[in-house]
Amino acid sequence: MDVGARRRHYGVSTGVTIYSGLPRHEWSTRMARDSVTRMQLGVVFPQTKIGADRGAIRAYATTVEQLGYRHILAYDHVLGADRTVHQGFAGPYDIGTTFHEPLVLYGYLAAITSLELVTGVVILPQRQTALVAKQAAEVDLLTGGRFRLGVGLGWNSVEYAALGKRFTDRGRRIAEQVELLRLLWTQPSVTFEGRYESVIGAGLAPMPVQRPVPIWFGANTPAALQRAGRLADGWFPQREPGPELEADIEQVRAAAEAAGRKPALGMEGRVRLSGDTGAAAELVDAWRGLGATHVSVDTMRLGYDIDKHLAALSDLARAVGPMAAGR
């Protein structure tokens, strides 16, 4: 089914029109202002199900935009482990699991959609900090400031080893990386000498539209929740609404206040959609009640037929109504 046929099939007619009368450079300002007053609904890019078909990627991205979703969030893995070599490897993804590189993918999506693009998350300590700064600045430029860099520590020691980075000190290194990223995005010439990072009299060109690019943290453990409160512009909880999540929210707020920061960080929840549209819509509303600024809908449990993903997202968009279109 081609892109036009998909749009007709899913009954798409409204699209995302709220910014259609504005110059491109004003979109990020309006979107940032609007996110303060309403929760933004986006989708989780189906990394492990969409395969290697460029046409499917294009159709998926353009159709979810026409359905009214406001952003795409993509997971990150550079390499998968071969379980026949790494005996006892217990990770959920391996050498046979498809992962498109998110920052390269976003260079493509920036040209064909006006969606906000979000990494959820890039495994920052296994990457070169200056290179991430360059790549993120470029995506931010190509999207006109519609980019959030989500970062996290990851769990795959096999991947770290292959990329030449230490696994055991990744929690200590990420704080220094975030400091350097923000310097590179805001200063034309940077001199920085830390415990793990060193840049002497160097800078990026071109600079990003957002200075600095927003950095969001994935957070689940007490140490990660503390880091999010101290350092992040927003965070991705790893629980569903309930008492445990409420305790995590309070821990992030307390860490932000202890660091002398405003406690009202952005928060992006996640809703797993596997067929029950009503239950998913209720969960979206639960996130809104908890003060989430964003929610992403994950359809990866629906298998390898991308049309099924899009049909489910169409049903949910109708169920939640104007929220999906950001109105």
C-alpha atoms as a PDB file:
ATOM      1  CA  MET A   1       0.000   0.000   0.000  1.00  0.00           C
ATOM      2  CA  ASP A   2       1.524   3.367  -0.998  1.00  0.00           C
ATOM      3  CA  VAL A   3       1.617   6.432   1.266  1.00  0.00           C
ATOM      4  CA  GLY A   4      -1.491   8.048  -0.236  1.00  0.00           C
ATOM      5  CA  ALA A   5      -3.438   4.820  -0.029  1.00  0.00           C
ATOM      6  CA  ARG A   6      -2.437   4.342   3.604  1.00  0.00           C
ATOM      7  CA  ARG A   7      -3.680   7.824   4.455  1.00  0.00           C
ATOM      8  CA  ARG A   8      -7.021   7.206   2.743  1.00  0.00           C
ATOM      9  CA  HIS A   9      -7.308   3.731   4.291  1.00  0.00           C
ATOM     10  CA  TYR A  10      -6.863   5.025   7.839  1.00  0.00           C
ATOM     11  CA  GLY A  11      -9.333   7.859   7.371  1.00  0.00           C
ATOM     12  CA  VAL A  12      -6.720  10.588   7.745  1.00  0.00           C
ATOM     13  CA  SER A  13      -8.051  14.036   6.993  1.00  0.00           C
ATOM     14  CA  THR A  14      -7.113  16.523   9.679  1.00  0.00           C
ATOM     15  CA  GLY A  15      -3.353  16.099   9.923  1.00  0.00           C
ATOM     16  CA  VAL A  16      -1.227  18.410  12.067  1.00  0.00           C
ATOM     17  CA  THR A  17      -2.417  21.825  11.023  1.00  0.00           C
ATOM     18  CA  ILE A  18      -1.799  23.858  14.141  1.00  0.00           C
ATOM     19  CA  TYR A  19       1.506  25.251  12.793  1.00  0.00           C
ATOM     20  CA  SER A  20       0.720  25.236   9.099  1.00  0.00           C
ATOM     21  CA  GLY A  21       0.456  29.033   8.844  1.00  0.00           C
ATOM     22  CA  LEU A  22       3.746  29.702  10.589  1.00  0.00           C
ATOM     23  CA  PRO A  23       7.258  30.058   9.179  1.00  0.00           C
ATOM     24  CA  ARG A  24       9.344  26.927   9.828  1.00  0.00           C
ATOM     25  CA  HIS A  25      11.682  28.752  12.221  1.00  0.00           C
ATOM     26  CA  GLU A  26       8.768  29.599  14.564  1.00  0.00           C
ATOM     27  CA  TRP A  27       7.571  25.998  14.998  1.00  0.00           C
ATOM     28  CA  SER A  28       9.875  25.121  17.890  1.00  0.00           C
ATOM     29  CA  THR A  29       8.879  28.240  19.841  1.00  0.00           C
ATOM     30  CA  ARG A  30       5.170  27.499  19.479  1.00  0.00           C
ATOM     31  CA  MET A  31       5.623  23.802  20.253  1.00  0.00           C
ATOM     32  CA  ALA A  32       7.629  24.576  23.403  1.00  0.00           C
ATOM     33  CA  ARG A  33       4.975  27.035  24.587  1.00  0.00           C
ATOM     34  CA  ASP A  34       2.106  24.673  23.833  1.00  0.00           C
ATOM     35  CA  SER A  35       3.721  21.727  25.658  1.00  0.00           C
ATOM     36  CA  VAL A  36       3.437  23.702  28.908  1.00  0.00           C
ATOM     37  CA  THR A  37      -0.383  23.701  28.659  1.00  0.00           C
ATOM     38  CA  ARG A  38      -1.134  20.306  27.075  1.00  0.00           C
ATOM     39  CA  MET A  39       0.354  16.848  26.937  1.00  0.00           C
ATOM     40  CA  GLN A  40       1.952  15.894  23.627  1.00  0.00           C
ATOM     41  CA  LEU A  41       1.244  12.469  22.193  1.00  0.00           C
ATOM     42  CA  GLY A  42       3.812  10.705  20.029  1.00  0.00           C
ATOM     43  CA  VAL A  43       4.835   7.228  18.912  1.00  0.00           C
ATOM     44  CA  VAL A  44       7.682   4.825  19.577  1.00  0.00           C
ATOM     45  CA  PHE A  45       9.358   3.983  16.267  1.00  0.00           C
ATOM     46  CA  PRO A  46       8.924   0.183  15.874  1.00  0.00           C
ATOM     47  CA  GLN A  47      12.656  -0.495  15.622  1.00  0.00           C
ATOM     48  CA  THR A  48      12.516  -4.237  16.068  1.00  0.00           C
ATOM     49  CA  LYS A  49       9.544  -4.805  13.732  1.00  0.00           C
ATOM     50  CA  ILE A  50       9.832  -2.414  10.788  1.00  0.00           C
ATOM     51  CA  GLY A  51      12.714  -4.170   9.050  1.00  0.00           C
ATOM     52  CA  ALA A  52      15.052  -2.667   6.463  1.00  0.00           C
ATOM     53  CA  ASP A  53      12.503  -1.342   3.949  1.00  0.00           C
ATOM     54  CA  ARG A  54      13.038   2.388   3.393  1.00  0.00           C
ATOM     55  CA  GLY A  55       9.555   2.682   1.920  1.00  0.00           C
ATOM     56  CA  ALA A  56       8.003   1.246   5.081  1.00  0.00           C
ATOM     57  CA  ILE A  57       9.937   3.741   7.202  1.00  0.00           C
ATOM     58  CA  ARG A  58       8.723   6.630   5.063  1.00  0.00           C
ATOM     59  CA  ALA A  59       5.117   5.406   5.036  1.00  0.00           C
ATOM     60  CA  TYR A  60       5.131   4.863   8.801  1.00  0.00           C
ATOM     61  CA  ALA A  61       6.528   8.315   9.626  1.00  0.00           C
ATOM     62  CA  THR A  62       4.328  10.270   7.238  1.00  0.00           C
ATOM     63  CA  THR A  63       1.195   8.379   8.235  1.00  0.00           C
ATOM     64  CA  VAL A  64       1.640   8.851  11.997  1.00  0.00           C
ATOM     65  CA  GLU A  65       2.113  12.568  11.372  1.00  0.00           C
ATOM     66  CA  GLN A  66      -1.107  12.695   9.369  1.00  0.00           C
ATOM     67  CA  LEU A  67      -2.867  10.826  12.179  1.00  0.00           C
ATOM     68  CA  GLY A  68      -2.008  13.766  14.418  1.00  0.00           C
ATOM     69  CA  TYR A  69       0.847  12.361  16.517  1.00  0.00           C
ATOM     70  CA  ARG A  70       3.432  15.005  17.339  1.00  0.00           C
ATOM     71  CA  HIS A  71       6.733  13.186  17.781  1.00  0.00           C
ATOM     72  CA  ILE A  72       8.649   9.983  17.063  1.00  0.00           C
ATOM     73  CA  LEU A  73      10.849   8.406  19.731  1.00  0.00           C
ATOM     74  CA  ALA A  74      13.469   5.815  18.747  1.00  0.00           C
ATOM     75  CA  TYR A  75      15.465   3.351  20.846  1.00  0.00           C
ATOM     76  CA  ASP A  76      19.197   2.864  20.295  1.00  0.00           C
ATOM     77  CA  HIS A  77      21.474  -0.118  19.935  1.00  0.00           C
ATOM     78  CA  VAL A  78      24.583  -0.139  17.749  1.00  0.00           C
ATOM     79  CA  LEU A  79      25.374  -3.862  17.926  1.00  0.00           C
ATOM     80  CA  GLY A  80      23.625  -7.032  18.976  1.00  0.00           C
ATOM     81  CA  ALA A  81      25.316  -9.880  20.816  1.00  0.00           C
ATOM     82  CA  ASP A  82      25.689 -13.322  19.254  1.00  0.00           C
ATOM     83  CA  ARG A  83      24.207 -15.688  21.845  1.00  0.00           C
ATOM     84  CA  THR A  84      26.197 -18.630  20.472  1.00  0.00           C
ATOM     85  CA  VAL A  85      29.407 -16.783  21.377  1.00  0.00           C
ATOM     86  CA  HIS A  86      28.265 -15.032  24.578  1.00  0.00           C
ATOM     87  CA  GLN A  87      26.918 -17.964  26.557  1.00  0.00           C
ATOM     88  CA  GLY A  88      24.386 -16.896  29.179  1.00  0.00           C
ATOM     89  CA  PHE A  89      23.661 -13.546  27.496  1.00  0.00           C
ATOM     90  CA  ALA A  90      20.243 -12.551  28.876  1.00  0.00           C
ATOM     91  CA  GLY A  91      19.452  -9.288  27.109  1.00  0.00           C
ATOM     92  CA  PRO A  92      16.119  -8.800  25.284  1.00  0.00           C
ATOM     93  CA  TYR A  93      17.861  -7.959  21.971  1.00  0.00           C
ATOM     94  CA  ASP A  94      20.579  -9.848  20.130  1.00  0.00           C
ATOM     95  CA  ILE A  95      22.400 -10.101  16.810  1.00  0.00           C
ATOM     96  CA  GLY A  96      19.185 -10.780  14.914  1.00  0.00           C
ATOM     97  CA  THR A  97      17.248  -7.751  16.209  1.00  0.00           C
ATOM     98  CA  THR A  98      16.864  -4.811  13.834  1.00  0.00           C
ATOM     99  CA  PHE A  99      17.870  -1.359  15.093  1.00  0.00           C
ATOM    100  CA  HIS A 100      18.138   1.653  12.792  1.00  0.00           C
ATOM    101  CA  GLU A 101      20.762   4.134  13.982  1.00  0.00           C
ATOM    102  CA  PRO A 102      18.538   6.905  15.403  1.00  0.00           C
ATOM    103  CA  LEU A 103      20.544  10.020  14.560  1.00  0.00           C
ATOM    104  CA  VAL A 104      21.122   8.935  10.956  1.00  0.00           C
ATOM    105  CA  LEU A 105      17.460   7.894  10.718  1.00  0.00           C
ATOM    106  CA  TYR A 106      16.448  11.345  11.930  1.00  0.00           C
ATOM    107  CA  GLY A 107      18.409  13.050   9.187  1.00  0.00           C
ATOM    108  CA  TYR A 108      16.091  11.206   6.787  1.00  0.00           C
ATOM    109  CA  LEU A 109      12.897  11.825   8.748  1.00  0.00           C
ATOM    110  CA  ALA A 110      13.685  15.534   9.113  1.00  0.00           C
ATOM    111  CA  ALA A 111      13.370  15.835   5.338  1.00  0.00           C
ATOM    112  CA  ILE A 112       9.970  14.136   5.058  1.00  0.00           C
ATOM    113  CA  THR A 113       8.054  15.116   8.233  1.00  0.00           C
ATOM    114  CA  SER A 114       7.597  18.047  10.589  1.00  0.00           C
ATOM    115  CA  LEU A 115       7.471  15.785  13.647  1.00  0.00           C
ATOM    116  CA  GLU A 116       9.577  16.388  16.724  1.00  0.00           C
ATOM    117  CA  LEU A 117      12.292  13.725  16.846  1.00  0.00           C
ATOM    118  CA  VAL A 118      13.400  12.175  20.128  1.00  0.00           C
ATOM    119  CA  THR A 119      16.027   9.612  21.067  1.00  0.00           C
ATOM    120  CA  GLY A 120      14.717   7.399  23.802  1.00  0.00           C
ATOM    121  CA  VAL A 121      17.521   6.780  24.584  1.00  0.00           C
ATOM    122  CA  VAL A 122      20.968   7.050  23.000  1.00  0.00           C
ATOM    123  CA  ILE A 123      23.448   5.061  25.088  1.00  0.00           C
ATOM    124  CA  LEU A 124      25.674   8.067  25.681  1.00  0.00           C
ATOM    125  CA  PRO A 125      28.674   6.601  27.584  1.00  0.00           C
ATOM    126  CA  GLN A 126      29.464   4.168  24.757  1.00  0.00           C
ATOM    127  CA  ARG A 127      29.729   7.040  22.244  1.00  0.00           C
ATOM    128  CA  GLN A 128      32.249   9.829  21.674  1.00  0.00           C
ATOM    129  CA  THR A 129      30.846  12.938  23.317  1.00  0.00           C
ATOM    130  CA  ALA A 130      32.018  15.479  20.747  1.00  0.00           C
ATOM    131  CA  LEU A 131      30.654  13.358  17.913  1.00  0.00           C
ATOM    132  CA  VAL A 132      27.260  13.074  19.614  1.00  0.00           C
ATOM    133  CA  ALA A 133      27.285  16.854  20.040  1.00  0.00           C
ATOM    134  CA  LYS A 134      27.929  17.277  16.318  1.00  0.00           C
ATOM    135  CA  GLN A 135      25.278  14.755  15.261  1.00  0.00           C
ATOM    136  CA  ALA A 136      22.644  16.154  17.630  1.00  0.00           C
ATOM    137  CA  ALA A 137      23.349  19.726  16.505  1.00  0.00           C
ATOM    138  CA  GLU A 138      22.857  18.653  12.896  1.00  0.00           C
ATOM    139  CA  VAL A 139      19.550  16.910  13.600  1.00  0.00           C
ATOM    140  CA  ASP A 140      18.372  19.934  15.558  1.00  0.00           C
ATOM    141  CA  LEU A 141      19.302  22.202  12.654  1.00  0.00           C
ATOM    142  CA  LEU A 142      17.589  19.997  10.050  1.00  0.00           C
ATOM    143  CA  THR A 143      14.394  19.807  12.116  1.00  0.00           C
ATOM    144  CA  GLY A 144      14.298  23.530  12.862  1.00  0.00           C
ATOM    145  CA  GLY A 145      14.710  22.949  16.584  1.00  0.00           C
ATOM    146  CA  ARG A 146      12.337  19.999  16.895  1.00  0.00           C
ATOM    147  CA  PHE A 147      14.717  17.582  18.604  1.00  0.00           C
ATOM    148  CA  ARG A 148      15.249  16.183  22.089  1.00  0.00           C
ATOM    149  CA  LEU A 149      18.317  14.116  22.928  1.00  0.00           C
ATOM    150  CA  GLY A 150      17.333  11.351  25.313  1.00  0.00           C
ATOM    151  CA  VAL A 151      20.322   9.647  26.925  1.00  0.00           C
ATOM    152  CA  GLY A 152      20.900   6.677  29.191  1.00  0.00           C
ATOM    153  CA  LEU A 153      23.479   4.201  30.440  1.00  0.00           C
ATOM    154  CA  GLY A 154      22.376   1.006  28.719  1.00  0.00           C
ATOM    155  CA  TRP A 155      22.862  -2.570  29.886  1.00  0.00           C
ATOM    156  CA  ASN A 156      24.789  -4.315  27.084  1.00  0.00           C
ATOM    157  CA  SER A 157      28.422  -4.803  28.073  1.00  0.00           C
ATOM    158  CA  VAL A 158      29.118  -6.612  24.774  1.00  0.00           C
ATOM    159  CA  GLU A 159      28.196  -3.468  22.882  1.00  0.00           C
ATOM    160  CA  TYR A 160      30.370  -1.271  25.110  1.00  0.00           C
ATOM    161  CA  ALA A 161      33.384  -3.511  24.575  1.00  0.00           C
ATOM    162  CA  ALA A 162      32.976  -3.473  20.796  1.00  0.00           C
ATOM    163  CA  LEU A 163      32.812   0.335  20.810  1.00  0.00           C
ATOM    164  CA  GLY A 164      35.948   0.622  22.929  1.00  0.00           C
ATOM    165  CA  LYS A 165      34.269   2.107  26.007  1.00  0.00           C
ATOM    166  CA  ARG A 166      34.316   0.960  29.636  1.00  0.00           C
ATOM    167  CA  PHE A 167      31.061  -0.446  30.961  1.00  0.00           C
ATOM    168  CA  THR A 168      31.765  -0.263  34.693  1.00  0.00           C
ATOM    169  CA  ASP A 169      32.163   3.527  35.027  1.00  0.00           C
ATOM    170  CA  ARG A 170      29.393   4.610  32.665  1.00  0.00           C
ATOM    171  CA  GLY A 171      27.330   6.215  35.445  1.00  0.00           C
ATOM    172  CA  ARG A 172      30.208   8.448  36.477  1.00  0.00           C
ATOM    173  CA  ARG A 173      31.079   9.426  32.919  1.00  0.00           C
ATOM    174  CA  ILE A 174      27.625  10.485  31.766  1.00  0.00           C
ATOM    175  CA  ALA A 175      27.453  13.553  34.019  1.00  0.00           C
ATOM    176  CA  GLU A 176      30.683  14.892  32.553  1.00  0.00           C
ATOM    177  CA  GLN A 177      29.477  14.122  29.033  1.00  0.00           C
ATOM    178  CA  VAL A 178      26.284  16.142  29.583  1.00  0.00           C
ATOM    179  CA  GLU A 179      28.297  19.110  30.817  1.00  0.00           C
ATOM    180  CA  LEU A 180      30.501  19.012  27.735  1.00  0.00           C
ATOM    181  CA  LEU A 181      27.554  18.609  25.359  1.00  0.00           C
ATOM    182  CA  ARG A 182      25.937  21.771  26.665  1.00  0.00           C
ATOM    183  CA  LEU A 183      29.166  23.714  26.356  1.00  0.00           C
ATOM    184  CA  LEU A 184      29.649  22.595  22.753  1.00  0.00           C
ATOM    185  CA  TRP A 185      26.080  23.625  21.876  1.00  0.00           C
ATOM    186  CA  THR A 186      26.348  27.097  23.387  1.00  0.00           C
ATOM    187  CA  GLN A 187      29.953  28.294  23.001  1.00  0.00           C
ATOM    188  CA  PRO A 188      31.814  28.815  19.708  1.00  0.00           C
ATOM    189  CA  SER A 189      35.124  27.765  21.272  1.00  0.00           C
ATOM    190  CA  VAL A 190      35.301  25.274  24.113  1.00  0.00           C
ATOM    191  CA  THR A 191      38.145  24.381  26.438  1.00  0.00           C
ATOM    192  CA  PHE A 192      37.176  21.641  28.835  1.00  0.00           C
ATOM    193  CA  GLU A 193      39.400  19.318  30.823  1.00  0.00           C
ATOM    194  CA  GLY A 194      37.590  16.806  33.006  1.00  0.00           C
ATOM    195  CA  ARG A 195      38.348  13.416  34.441  1.00  0.00           C
ATOM    196  CA  TYR A 196      37.137  11.605  31.323  1.00  0.00           C
ATOM    197  CA  GLU A 197      36.717  14.262  28.620  1.00  0.00           C
ATOM    198  CA  SER A 198      39.095  16.808  27.136  1.00  0.00           C
ATOM    199  CA  VAL A 199      38.489  19.450  24.459  1.00  0.00           C
ATOM    200  CA  ILE A 200      41.035  22.216  23.937  1.00  0.00           C
ATOM    201  CA  GLY A 201      40.027  25.282  21.963  1.00  0.00           C
ATOM    202  CA  ALA A 202      37.526  23.645  19.599  1.00  0.00           C
ATOM    203  CA  GLY A 203      33.888  24.144  18.649  1.00  0.00           C
ATOM    204  CA  LEU A 204      30.985  23.141  16.447  1.00  0.00           C
ATOM    205  CA  ALA A 205      29.837  24.809  13.245  1.00  0.00           C
ATOM    206  CA  PRO A 206      27.019  25.042  12.449  1.00  0.00           C
ATOM    207  CA  MET A 207      25.504  25.383  15.897  1.00  0.00           C
ATOM    208  CA  PRO A 208      22.085  23.930  16.750  1.00  0.00           C
ATOM    209  CA  VAL A 209      18.888  25.956  16.694  1.00  0.00           C
ATOM    210  CA  GLN A 210      18.264  25.169  20.372  1.00  0.00           C
ATOM    211  CA  ARG A 211      21.178  26.302  22.477  1.00  0.00           C
ATOM    212  CA  PRO A 212      21.441  23.970  24.251  1.00  0.00           C
ATOM    213  CA  VAL A 213      19.563  21.016  22.791  1.00  0.00           C
ATOM    214  CA  PRO A 214      17.233  19.605  25.486  1.00  0.00           C
ATOM    215  CA  ILE A 215      18.705  16.537  27.213  1.00  0.00           C
ATOM    216  CA  TRP A 216      16.314  13.988  28.684  1.00  0.00           C
ATOM    217  CA  PHE A 217      17.348  11.032  30.847  1.00  0.00           C
ATOM    218  CA  GLY A 218      16.045   7.506  31.013  1.00  0.00           C
ATOM    219  CA  ALA A 219      15.708   6.730  34.725  1.00  0.00           C
ATOM    220  CA  ASN A 220      14.687   3.741  36.805  1.00  0.00           C
ATOM    221  CA  THR A 221      17.214   3.066  39.588  1.00  0.00           C
ATOM    222  CA  PRO A 222      17.664   5.433  42.561  1.00  0.00           C
ATOM    223  CA  ALA A 223      21.010   6.654  41.178  1.00  0.00           C
ATOM    224  CA  ALA A 224      19.495   7.332  37.742  1.00  0.00           C
ATOM    225  CA  LEU A 225      16.535   9.179  39.277  1.00  0.00           C
ATOM    226  CA  GLN A 226      18.940  11.358  41.228  1.00  0.00           C
ATOM    227  CA  ARG A 227      20.933  12.130  38.068  1.00  0.00           C
ATOM    228  CA  ALA A 228      17.763  13.032  36.196  1.00  0.00           C
ATOM    229  CA  GLY A 229      16.745  15.478  38.895  1.00  0.00           C
ATOM    230  CA  ARG A 230      20.198  17.089  38.999  1.00  0.00           C
ATOM    231  CA  LEU A 231      20.990  17.244  35.301  1.00  0.00           C
ATOM    232  CA  ALA A 232      18.087  16.581  32.949  1.00  0.00           C
ATOM    233  CA  ASP A 233      15.658  18.864  31.139  1.00  0.00           C
ATOM    234  CA  GLY A 234      13.183  15.994  31.258  1.00  0.00           C
ATOM    235  CA  TRP A 235      13.051  12.274  31.947  1.00  0.00           C
ATOM    236  CA  PHE A 236      11.571   8.989  30.760  1.00  0.00           C
ATOM    237  CA  PRO A 237      10.078   6.924  33.622  1.00  0.00           C
ATOM    238  CA  GLN A 238      10.353   3.164  33.255  1.00  0.00           C
ATOM    239  CA  ARG A 239       7.166   2.265  35.135  1.00  0.00           C
ATOM    240  CA  GLU A 240       3.444   2.494  34.474  1.00  0.00           C
ATOM    241  CA  PRO A 241       1.256   4.828  36.576  1.00  0.00           C
ATOM    242  CA  GLY A 242       0.938   3.614  40.155  1.00  0.00           C
ATOM    243  CA  PRO A 243       2.499   4.040  43.608  1.00  0.00           C
ATOM    244  CA  GLU A 244       6.028   3.070  42.490  1.00  0.00           C
ATOM    245  CA  LEU A 245       5.979   5.669  39.721  1.00  0.00           C
ATOM    246  CA  GLU A 246       4.670   8.309  42.121  1.00  0.00           C
ATOM    247  CA  ALA A 247       7.627   7.558  44.407  1.00  0.00           C
ATOM    248  CA  ASP A 248      10.020   7.905  41.453  1.00  0.00           C
ATOM    249  CA  ILE A 249       8.466  11.252  40.501  1.00  0.00           C
ATOM    250  CA  GLU A 250       8.942  12.515  44.031  1.00  0.00           C
ATOM    251  CA  GLN A 251      12.572  11.363  44.043  1.00  0.00           C
ATOM    252  CA  VAL A 252      13.294  13.248  40.804  1.00  0.00           C
ATOM    253  CA  ARG A 253      11.591  16.375  42.142  1.00  0.00           C
ATOM    254  CA  ALA A 254      13.521  16.199  45.400  1.00  0.00           C
ATOM    255  CA  ALA A 255      16.838  15.800  43.559  1.00  0.00           C
ATOM    256  CA  ALA A 256      16.039  18.794  41.361  1.00  0.00           C
ATOM    257  CA  GLU A 257      15.187  20.947  44.361  1.00  0.00           C
ATOM    258  CA  ALA A 258      18.315  19.828  46.209  1.00  0.00           C
ATOM    259  CA  ALA A 259      20.379  20.898  43.191  1.00  0.00           C
ATOM    260  CA  GLY A 260      18.754  24.348  43.235  1.00  0.00           C
ATOM    261  CA  ARG A 261      16.732  23.665  40.086  1.00  0.00           C
ATOM    262  CA  LYS A 262      13.050  24.097  39.316  1.00  0.00           C
ATOM    263  CA  PRO A 263      11.417  20.736  40.065  1.00  0.00           C
ATOM    264  CA  ALA A 264       8.966  20.869  37.120  1.00  0.00           C
ATOM    265  CA  LEU A 265      11.001  18.814  34.647  1.00  0.00           C
ATOM    266  CA  GLY A 266       9.450  17.406  31.496  1.00  0.00           C
ATOM    267  CA  MET A 267       8.232  13.828  31.867  1.00  0.00           C
ATOM    268  CA  GLU A 268       7.438  11.415  29.038  1.00  0.00           C
ATOM    269  CA  GLY A 269       5.360   8.364  29.788  1.00  0.00           C
ATOM    270  CA  ARG A 270       4.957   5.300  27.598  1.00  0.00           C
ATOM    271  CA  VAL A 271       1.831   3.363  26.674  1.00  0.00           C
ATOM    272  CA  ARG A 272       2.150  -0.141  25.202  1.00  0.00           C
ATOM    273  CA  LEU A 273      -0.624  -0.745  22.686  1.00  0.00           C
ATOM    274  CA  SER A 274      -1.357  -4.381  21.906  1.00  0.00           C
ATOM    275  CA  GLY A 275      -5.007  -4.353  20.852  1.00  0.00           C
ATOM    276  CA  ASP A 276      -7.114  -2.880  23.665  1.00  0.00           C
ATOM    277  CA  THR A 277      -7.629   0.704  22.516  1.00  0.00           C
ATOM    278  CA  GLY A 278      -9.835   1.625  25.468  1.00  0.00           C
ATOM    279  CA  ALA A 279      -7.275   0.497  28.038  1.00  0.00           C
ATOM    280  CA  ALA A 280      -4.518   2.375  26.197  1.00  0.00           C
ATOM    281  CA  ALA A 281      -6.623   5.555  26.117  1.00  0.00           C
ATOM    282  CA  GLU A 282      -7.208   5.250  29.874  1.00  0.00           C
ATOM    283  CA  LEU A 283      -3.473   4.888  30.421  1.00  0.00           C
ATOM    284  CA  VAL A 284      -2.826   8.002  28.325  1.00  0.00           C
ATOM    285  CA  ASP A 285      -5.227   9.866  30.587  1.00  0.00           C
ATOM    286  CA  ALA A 286      -3.513   8.458  33.684  1.00  0.00           C
ATOM    287  CA  TRP A 287      -0.194   9.872  32.516  1.00  0.00           C
ATOM    288  CA  ARG A 288      -1.830  13.241  31.978  1.00  0.00           C
ATOM    289  CA  GLY A 289      -3.175  13.109  35.521  1.00  0.00           C
ATOM    290  CA  LEU A 290       0.358  12.557  36.821  1.00  0.00           C
ATOM    291  CA  GLY A 291       1.575  15.699  35.048  1.00  0.00           C
ATOM    292  CA  ALA A 292       3.323  14.101  32.074  1.00  0.00           C
ATOM    293  CA  THR A 293       4.264  16.600  29.383  1.00  0.00           C
ATOM    294  CA  HIS A 294       4.600  13.883  26.727  1.00  0.00           C
ATOM    295  CA  VAL A 295       3.471  10.309  26.114  1.00  0.00           C
ATOM    296  CA  SER A 296       4.743   7.876  23.475  1.00  0.00           C
ATOM    297  CA  VAL A 297       2.711   4.942  22.188  1.00  0.00           C
ATOM    298  CA  ASP A 298       4.648   1.691  21.697  1.00  0.00           C
ATOM    299  CA  THR A 299       3.124  -0.757  19.199  1.00  0.00           C
ATOM    300  CA  MET A 300       5.991  -3.244  18.937  1.00  0.00           C
ATOM    301  CA  ARG A 301       3.909  -6.055  20.465  1.00  0.00           C
ATOM    302  CA  LEU A 302       1.742  -6.027  17.329  1.00  0.00           C
ATOM    303  CA  GLY A 303       4.275  -7.950  15.233  1.00  0.00           C
ATOM    304  CA  TYR A 304       5.873  -7.347  11.855  1.00  0.00           C
ATOM    305  CA  ASP A 305       2.893  -6.073   9.834  1.00  0.00           C
ATOM    306  CA  ILE A 306       3.320  -2.278   9.926  1.00  0.00           C
ATOM    307  CA  ASP A 307      -0.237  -1.799   8.636  1.00  0.00           C
ATOM    308  CA  LYS A 308      -1.444  -3.317  11.928  1.00  0.00           C
ATOM    309  CA  HIS A 309       0.659  -0.770  13.843  1.00  0.00           C
ATOM    310  CA  LEU A 310      -0.824   2.101  11.862  1.00  0.00           C
ATOM    311  CA  ALA A 311      -4.378   0.807  12.204  1.00  0.00           C
ATOM    312  CA  ALA A 312      -3.977   0.565  15.985  1.00  0.00           C
ATOM    313  CA  LEU A 313      -2.510   4.071  16.148  1.00  0.00           C
ATOM    314  CA  SER A 314      -5.415   5.357  14.054  1.00  0.00           C
ATOM    315  CA  ASP A 315      -7.905   3.807  16.482  1.00  0.00           C
ATOM    316  CA  LEU A 316      -6.114   5.307  19.474  1.00  0.00           C
ATOM    317  CA  ALA A 317      -5.928   8.742  17.850  1.00  0.00           C
ATOM    318  CA  ARG A 318      -9.694   8.686  17.448  1.00  0.00           C
ATOM    319  CA  ALA A 319     -10.149   7.480  21.036  1.00  0.00           C
ATOM    320  CA  VAL A 320      -8.078  10.244  22.637  1.00  0.00           C
ATOM    321  CA  GLY A 321      -9.451  12.899  20.285  1.00  0.00           C
ATOM    322  CA  PRO A 322      -7.854  16.354  20.041  1.00  0.00           C
ATOM    323  CA  MET A 323      -4.862  15.408  22.210  1.00  0.00           C
ATOM    324  CA  ALA A 324      -3.259  13.499  19.379  1.00  0.00           C
ATOM    325  CA  ALA A 325      -3.366  16.524  17.123  1.00  0.00           C
ATOM    326  CA  GLY A 326      -2.043  18.789  19.855  1.00  0.00           C
ATOM    327  CA  ARG A 327      -5.192  20.941  19.979  1.00  0.00           C
END
